[in-house]
N, C-alpha and C. Protein backbone atom coordinates (compact mmCIF):
# COMPACT_ATOMS: atom_id res chain seq x y z
N MET A 1 20.45 -3.93 45.61
CA MET A 1 20.76 -3.41 44.28
C MET A 1 20.86 -1.89 44.38
N LYS A 2 21.91 -1.37 43.80
CA LYS A 2 22.10 0.07 43.87
C LYS A 2 21.12 0.80 42.96
N TYR A 3 20.90 2.06 43.27
CA TYR A 3 19.94 2.87 42.53
C TYR A 3 20.34 2.99 41.06
N ILE A 4 21.62 3.21 40.78
CA ILE A 4 22.07 3.38 39.39
C ILE A 4 21.86 2.09 38.60
N HIS A 5 21.98 0.95 39.26
CA HIS A 5 21.76 -0.33 38.60
C HIS A 5 20.29 -0.50 38.23
N LYS A 6 19.40 -0.07 39.15
CA LYS A 6 17.97 -0.14 38.86
C LYS A 6 17.61 0.78 37.69
N VAL A 7 18.20 1.96 37.68
CA VAL A 7 17.93 2.90 36.59
C VAL A 7 18.43 2.35 35.27
N SER A 8 19.61 1.75 35.27
CA SER A 8 20.15 1.21 34.02
C SER A 8 19.31 0.04 33.52
N LEU A 9 18.81 -0.80 34.42
CA LEU A 9 17.93 -1.90 34.01
C LEU A 9 16.62 -1.36 33.44
N PHE A 10 16.07 -0.31 34.07
CA PHE A 10 14.85 0.29 33.56
C PHE A 10 15.07 0.88 32.18
N LEU A 11 16.18 1.56 31.97
CA LEU A 11 16.47 2.16 30.66
C LEU A 11 16.68 1.08 29.60
N LEU A 12 17.33 0.00 29.97
CA LEU A 12 17.53 -1.09 29.03
C LEU A 12 16.19 -1.74 28.67
N ALA A 13 15.34 -1.96 29.66
CA ALA A 13 14.02 -2.53 29.39
C ALA A 13 13.21 -1.57 28.51
N TRP A 14 13.29 -0.27 28.78
CA TRP A 14 12.56 0.71 27.98
C TRP A 14 13.07 0.72 26.54
N LEU A 15 14.38 0.60 26.36
CA LEU A 15 14.95 0.55 25.03
C LEU A 15 14.47 -0.68 24.27
N LEU A 16 14.49 -1.84 24.93
CA LEU A 16 14.03 -3.06 24.27
C LEU A 16 12.54 -2.98 23.94
N PHE A 17 11.74 -2.45 24.86
CA PHE A 17 10.30 -2.30 24.62
C PHE A 17 10.05 -1.37 23.43
N THR A 18 10.76 -0.25 23.39
CA THR A 18 10.59 0.71 22.29
C THR A 18 11.00 0.07 20.97
N ALA A 19 12.09 -0.69 20.97
CA ALA A 19 12.54 -1.35 19.74
C ALA A 19 11.52 -2.37 19.27
N LEU A 20 10.95 -3.14 20.19
CA LEU A 20 9.95 -4.13 19.81
C LEU A 20 8.69 -3.46 19.26
N VAL A 21 8.25 -2.38 19.90
CA VAL A 21 7.07 -1.66 19.41
C VAL A 21 7.36 -1.10 18.02
N TYR A 22 8.55 -0.55 17.82
CA TYR A 22 8.92 -0.01 16.52
C TYR A 22 8.91 -1.11 15.45
N ILE A 23 9.48 -2.27 15.77
CA ILE A 23 9.53 -3.38 14.82
C ILE A 23 8.11 -3.85 14.48
N VAL A 24 7.24 -3.94 15.48
CA VAL A 24 5.86 -4.37 15.24
C VAL A 24 5.13 -3.35 14.37
N LEU A 25 5.28 -2.06 14.67
CA LEU A 25 4.59 -1.04 13.89
C LEU A 25 5.11 -0.99 12.45
N VAL A 26 6.42 -1.14 12.26
CA VAL A 26 6.97 -1.17 10.91
C VAL A 26 6.47 -2.40 10.16
N GLY A 27 6.40 -3.53 10.85
CA GLY A 27 5.87 -4.75 10.23
C GLY A 27 4.43 -4.58 9.80
N ILE A 28 3.61 -3.95 10.65
CA ILE A 28 2.21 -3.70 10.29
C ILE A 28 2.16 -2.76 9.09
N GLY A 29 3.03 -1.77 9.07
CA GLY A 29 3.06 -0.83 7.95
C GLY A 29 3.41 -1.53 6.64
N TRP A 30 4.40 -2.42 6.69
CA TRP A 30 4.78 -3.15 5.47
C TRP A 30 3.67 -4.08 5.01
N LEU A 31 2.98 -4.71 5.97
CA LEU A 31 1.86 -5.58 5.60
C LEU A 31 0.75 -4.76 4.95
N GLY A 32 0.50 -3.57 5.49
CA GLY A 32 -0.50 -2.70 4.90
C GLY A 32 -0.13 -2.27 3.50
N THR A 33 1.15 -1.96 3.32
CA THR A 33 1.61 -1.58 1.98
C THR A 33 1.48 -2.73 1.00
N LEU A 34 1.85 -3.92 1.44
CA LEU A 34 1.75 -5.10 0.58
C LEU A 34 0.30 -5.37 0.22
N PHE A 35 -0.59 -5.29 1.21
CA PHE A 35 -2.01 -5.51 0.93
C PHE A 35 -2.55 -4.43 -0.01
N GLY A 36 -2.11 -3.19 0.20
CA GLY A 36 -2.53 -2.11 -0.69
C GLY A 36 -2.10 -2.35 -2.12
N LEU A 37 -0.89 -2.86 -2.30
CA LEU A 37 -0.42 -3.15 -3.66
C LEU A 37 -1.20 -4.31 -4.27
N ILE A 38 -1.49 -5.31 -3.46
CA ILE A 38 -2.24 -6.46 -3.97
C ILE A 38 -3.63 -6.01 -4.43
N VAL A 39 -4.22 -5.05 -3.72
CA VAL A 39 -5.54 -4.57 -4.10
C VAL A 39 -5.44 -3.56 -5.24
N ALA A 40 -4.44 -2.68 -5.20
CA ALA A 40 -4.38 -1.56 -6.15
C ALA A 40 -4.00 -2.01 -7.56
N ILE A 41 -3.13 -3.00 -7.70
CA ILE A 41 -2.66 -3.39 -9.03
C ILE A 41 -3.80 -3.94 -9.89
N PRO A 42 -4.65 -4.86 -9.40
CA PRO A 42 -5.77 -5.29 -10.24
C PRO A 42 -6.77 -4.17 -10.54
N VAL A 43 -6.99 -3.28 -9.58
CA VAL A 43 -7.91 -2.16 -9.81
C VAL A 43 -7.35 -1.27 -10.91
N GLU A 44 -6.06 -1.00 -10.86
CA GLU A 44 -5.44 -0.17 -11.89
C GLU A 44 -5.49 -0.87 -13.25
N ALA A 45 -5.25 -2.17 -13.27
CA ALA A 45 -5.33 -2.91 -14.54
C ALA A 45 -6.74 -2.87 -15.11
N PHE A 46 -7.74 -3.01 -14.24
CA PHE A 46 -9.13 -2.93 -14.69
C PHE A 46 -9.44 -1.54 -15.26
N ALA A 47 -8.93 -0.49 -14.59
CA ALA A 47 -9.16 0.87 -15.07
C ALA A 47 -8.48 1.09 -16.42
N LEU A 48 -7.27 0.56 -16.60
CA LEU A 48 -6.59 0.72 -17.88
C LEU A 48 -7.33 -0.02 -19.00
N VAL A 49 -7.85 -1.20 -18.70
CA VAL A 49 -8.63 -1.93 -19.71
C VAL A 49 -9.89 -1.16 -20.06
N ALA A 50 -10.54 -0.58 -19.06
CA ALA A 50 -11.74 0.21 -19.32
C ALA A 50 -11.43 1.43 -20.19
N VAL A 51 -10.31 2.09 -19.92
CA VAL A 51 -9.91 3.25 -20.73
C VAL A 51 -9.60 2.80 -22.16
N ALA A 52 -8.91 1.68 -22.31
CA ALA A 52 -8.59 1.19 -23.65
C ALA A 52 -9.86 0.85 -24.42
N ILE A 53 -10.84 0.21 -23.77
CA ILE A 53 -12.10 -0.10 -24.43
C ILE A 53 -12.82 1.18 -24.83
N GLY A 54 -12.81 2.16 -23.94
CA GLY A 54 -13.44 3.44 -24.26
C GLY A 54 -12.79 4.14 -25.43
N LEU A 55 -11.46 4.11 -25.48
CA LEU A 55 -10.76 4.72 -26.60
C LEU A 55 -11.05 3.98 -27.91
N LEU A 56 -11.10 2.66 -27.86
CA LEU A 56 -11.43 1.89 -29.06
C LEU A 56 -12.84 2.18 -29.54
N CYS A 57 -13.78 2.28 -28.61
CA CYS A 57 -15.15 2.62 -28.99
C CYS A 57 -15.21 4.01 -29.63
N GLY A 58 -14.47 4.95 -29.05
CA GLY A 58 -14.42 6.28 -29.64
C GLY A 58 -13.80 6.29 -31.01
N LEU A 59 -12.75 5.51 -31.19
CA LEU A 59 -12.09 5.42 -32.49
C LEU A 59 -13.01 4.79 -33.53
N VAL A 60 -13.74 3.75 -33.13
CA VAL A 60 -14.68 3.11 -34.04
C VAL A 60 -15.81 4.10 -34.40
N ALA A 61 -16.27 4.85 -33.43
CA ALA A 61 -17.33 5.81 -33.70
C ALA A 61 -16.86 6.91 -34.65
N LEU A 62 -15.60 7.31 -34.52
CA LEU A 62 -15.08 8.36 -35.39
C LEU A 62 -14.86 7.86 -36.82
N THR A 63 -14.54 6.59 -36.95
CA THR A 63 -14.24 6.04 -38.29
C THR A 63 -15.42 5.33 -38.91
N ASP A 64 -16.57 5.43 -38.27
CA ASP A 64 -17.76 4.76 -38.78
C ASP A 64 -18.27 5.51 -40.02
N ASP A 65 -18.24 4.85 -41.18
CA ASP A 65 -18.62 5.50 -42.46
C ASP A 65 -20.13 5.55 -42.64
N GLU A 66 -20.87 4.66 -41.95
CA GLU A 66 -22.30 4.61 -42.15
C GLU A 66 -23.06 5.62 -41.31
N GLY A 67 -22.35 6.33 -40.44
CA GLY A 67 -23.02 7.35 -39.64
C GLY A 67 -23.59 6.85 -38.35
N GLY A 68 -23.54 5.58 -38.08
CA GLY A 68 -24.04 5.06 -36.81
C GLY A 68 -25.55 5.12 -36.75
N SER A 69 -26.08 5.43 -35.56
CA SER A 69 -27.54 5.43 -35.39
C SER A 69 -28.15 6.76 -35.74
């Protein structure tokens, strides 16, 4: 096998290896993003409900005619 043929096979193998590593790392990144969204959306919904409850409690306290405690 000629030297240039060996070099071309090495470069082709390196290209395929790099492409596979890139695809695996991008796949892991997308899975991480998906998992982050699955976790973040319920947490954000819980925070919004907590803020809404807090605002309602504040509104009730402001409109309380009896003066509260």
